[in-house]
């Protein structure tokens, strides 16, 4: 039985152009530059622009999207999976029941 070696269907397909994945969203350069000029952190600048009622609505929305990951946690991080929810519910129910973990013995 042959092992190893090249296989006919392995590797990139011929004639297909692969697109390089874009990096995760970072703070845009113009926001960083404006924050440097105003001598505040980029987050403080984004929040100030976002809360300015006289600013362009598109700019306010852009600042809100850019600042959101730094201010709020993701909903999936807070909730957890099904197993974590079941475990938390079981611990909550067992706190005051007869099946609760007893206190350790007191030393003399």
Protein backbone atom coordinates (compact mmCIF):
# COMPACT_ATOMS: atom_id res chain seq x y z
CA UNK A 1 0.00 0.00 0.00
CA UNK A 2 1.44 3.39 -1.00
CA UNK A 3 1.79 6.07 1.64
CA UNK A 4 2.53 9.76 1.50
CA UNK A 5 3.34 11.67 -1.64
CA UNK A 6 1.32 14.15 -3.65
CA UNK A 7 -2.40 13.68 -4.14
CA UNK A 8 -4.23 14.80 -7.25
CA UNK A 9 -6.87 16.86 -5.42
CA UNK A 10 -4.72 18.45 -2.72
CA UNK A 11 -3.54 22.03 -2.55
CA UNK A 12 -5.00 25.25 -3.93
CA UNK A 13 -7.22 25.01 -6.97
CA UNK A 14 -5.70 26.30 -10.21
CA UNK A 15 -7.16 29.49 -11.58
CA UNK A 16 -8.76 30.59 -8.28
CA UNK A 17 -7.62 33.88 -6.79
CA UNK A 18 -7.66 33.80 -3.03
CA UNK A 19 -8.46 37.02 -1.19
CA UNK A 20 -6.38 37.79 1.85
CA UNK A 21 -8.53 38.04 5.00
CA UNK A 22 -9.01 41.52 6.38
CA UNK A 23 -7.63 42.14 9.87
CA UNK A 24 -10.01 42.78 12.75
CA UNK A 25 -11.41 46.30 12.92
CA UNK A 26 -8.96 48.65 14.56
CA UNK A 27 -9.27 52.30 15.44
CA UNK A 28 -9.07 54.22 12.13
CA UNK A 29 -6.06 56.50 11.61
CA UNK A 30 -8.11 59.68 11.32
CA UNK A 31 -9.64 59.06 14.76
CA UNK A 32 -6.21 58.49 16.28
CA UNK A 33 -4.84 61.65 14.67
CA UNK A 34 -7.79 63.78 15.84
CA UNK A 35 -7.41 62.37 19.35
CA UNK A 36 -3.70 63.21 19.38
CA UNK A 37 -4.43 66.79 18.36
CA UNK A 38 -7.05 67.20 21.08
CA UNK A 39 -4.75 65.51 23.68
CA UNK A 40 -7.27 62.87 24.80
CA UNK A 41 -7.37 59.11 24.41
CA UNK A 42 -9.03 57.77 21.25
CA UNK A 43 -11.87 56.34 23.34
CA UNK A 44 -12.54 59.70 25.02
CA UNK A 45 -12.52 61.38 21.61
CA UNK A 46 -14.94 58.82 20.13
CA UNK A 47 -17.33 59.21 23.07
CA UNK A 48 -17.16 63.02 22.84
CA UNK A 49 -17.97 62.99 19.11
CA UNK A 50 -20.69 60.37 19.61
CA UNK A 51 -22.40 62.49 22.28
CA UNK A 52 -22.13 65.79 20.34
CA UNK A 53 -25.62 66.59 18.94
CA UNK A 54 -24.18 69.10 16.43
CA UNK A 55 -21.94 66.48 14.76
CA UNK A 56 -22.85 64.74 11.49
CA UNK A 57 -25.13 61.72 12.22
CA UNK A 58 -22.98 59.40 10.09
CA UNK A 59 -19.88 60.41 12.03
CA UNK A 60 -21.69 59.89 15.33
CA UNK A 61 -22.79 56.41 14.22
CA UNK A 62 -19.24 55.58 13.11
CA UNK A 63 -17.84 56.64 16.47
CA UNK A 64 -20.47 54.60 18.30
CA UNK A 65 -19.53 51.48 16.33
CA UNK A 66 -15.82 52.07 16.92
CA UNK A 67 -16.20 52.68 20.67
CA UNK A 68 -18.67 49.87 21.41
CA UNK A 69 -16.11 47.04 21.86
CA UNK A 70 -14.21 49.11 24.42
CA UNK A 71 -17.26 50.11 26.46
CA UNK A 72 -19.61 47.12 26.36
CA UNK A 73 -19.03 43.38 26.69
CA UNK A 74 -20.35 41.07 24.01
CA UNK A 75 -23.64 39.41 24.81
CA UNK A 76 -22.16 35.97 24.14
CA UNK A 77 -19.41 36.56 26.71
CA UNK A 78 -21.88 37.41 29.46
CA UNK A 79 -24.38 34.61 28.87
CA UNK A 80 -22.15 31.60 28.35
CA UNK A 81 -23.21 28.36 26.75
CA UNK A 82 -25.95 25.92 27.68
CA UNK A 83 -23.73 23.96 30.02
CA UNK A 84 -22.61 27.08 31.90
CA UNK A 85 -26.23 28.23 32.25
CA UNK A 86 -27.30 24.82 33.55
CA UNK A 87 -24.41 24.73 36.01
CA UNK A 88 -25.19 28.23 37.30
CA UNK A 89 -28.88 27.34 37.67
CA UNK A 90 -28.02 24.12 39.54
CA UNK A 91 -25.70 26.00 41.91
CA UNK A 92 -28.36 28.63 42.54
CA UNK A 93 -30.99 26.01 43.34
CA UNK A 94 -28.67 23.94 45.53
CA UNK A 95 -27.63 26.82 47.78
CA UNK A 96 -30.54 26.54 50.20
CA UNK A 97 -31.59 22.92 49.68
CA UNK A 98 -30.82 19.81 51.67
CA UNK A 99 -28.36 18.86 48.93
CA UNK A 100 -26.21 21.95 49.46
CA UNK A 101 -22.52 21.46 50.17
CA UNK A 102 -22.12 21.51 53.99
CA UNK A 103 -19.73 23.87 55.72
CA UNK A 104 -16.30 22.44 56.48
CA UNK A 105 -15.66 21.23 60.04
CA UNK A 106 -14.45 23.81 62.50
CA UNK A 107 -10.90 23.34 63.75
CA UNK A 108 -10.22 23.28 67.44
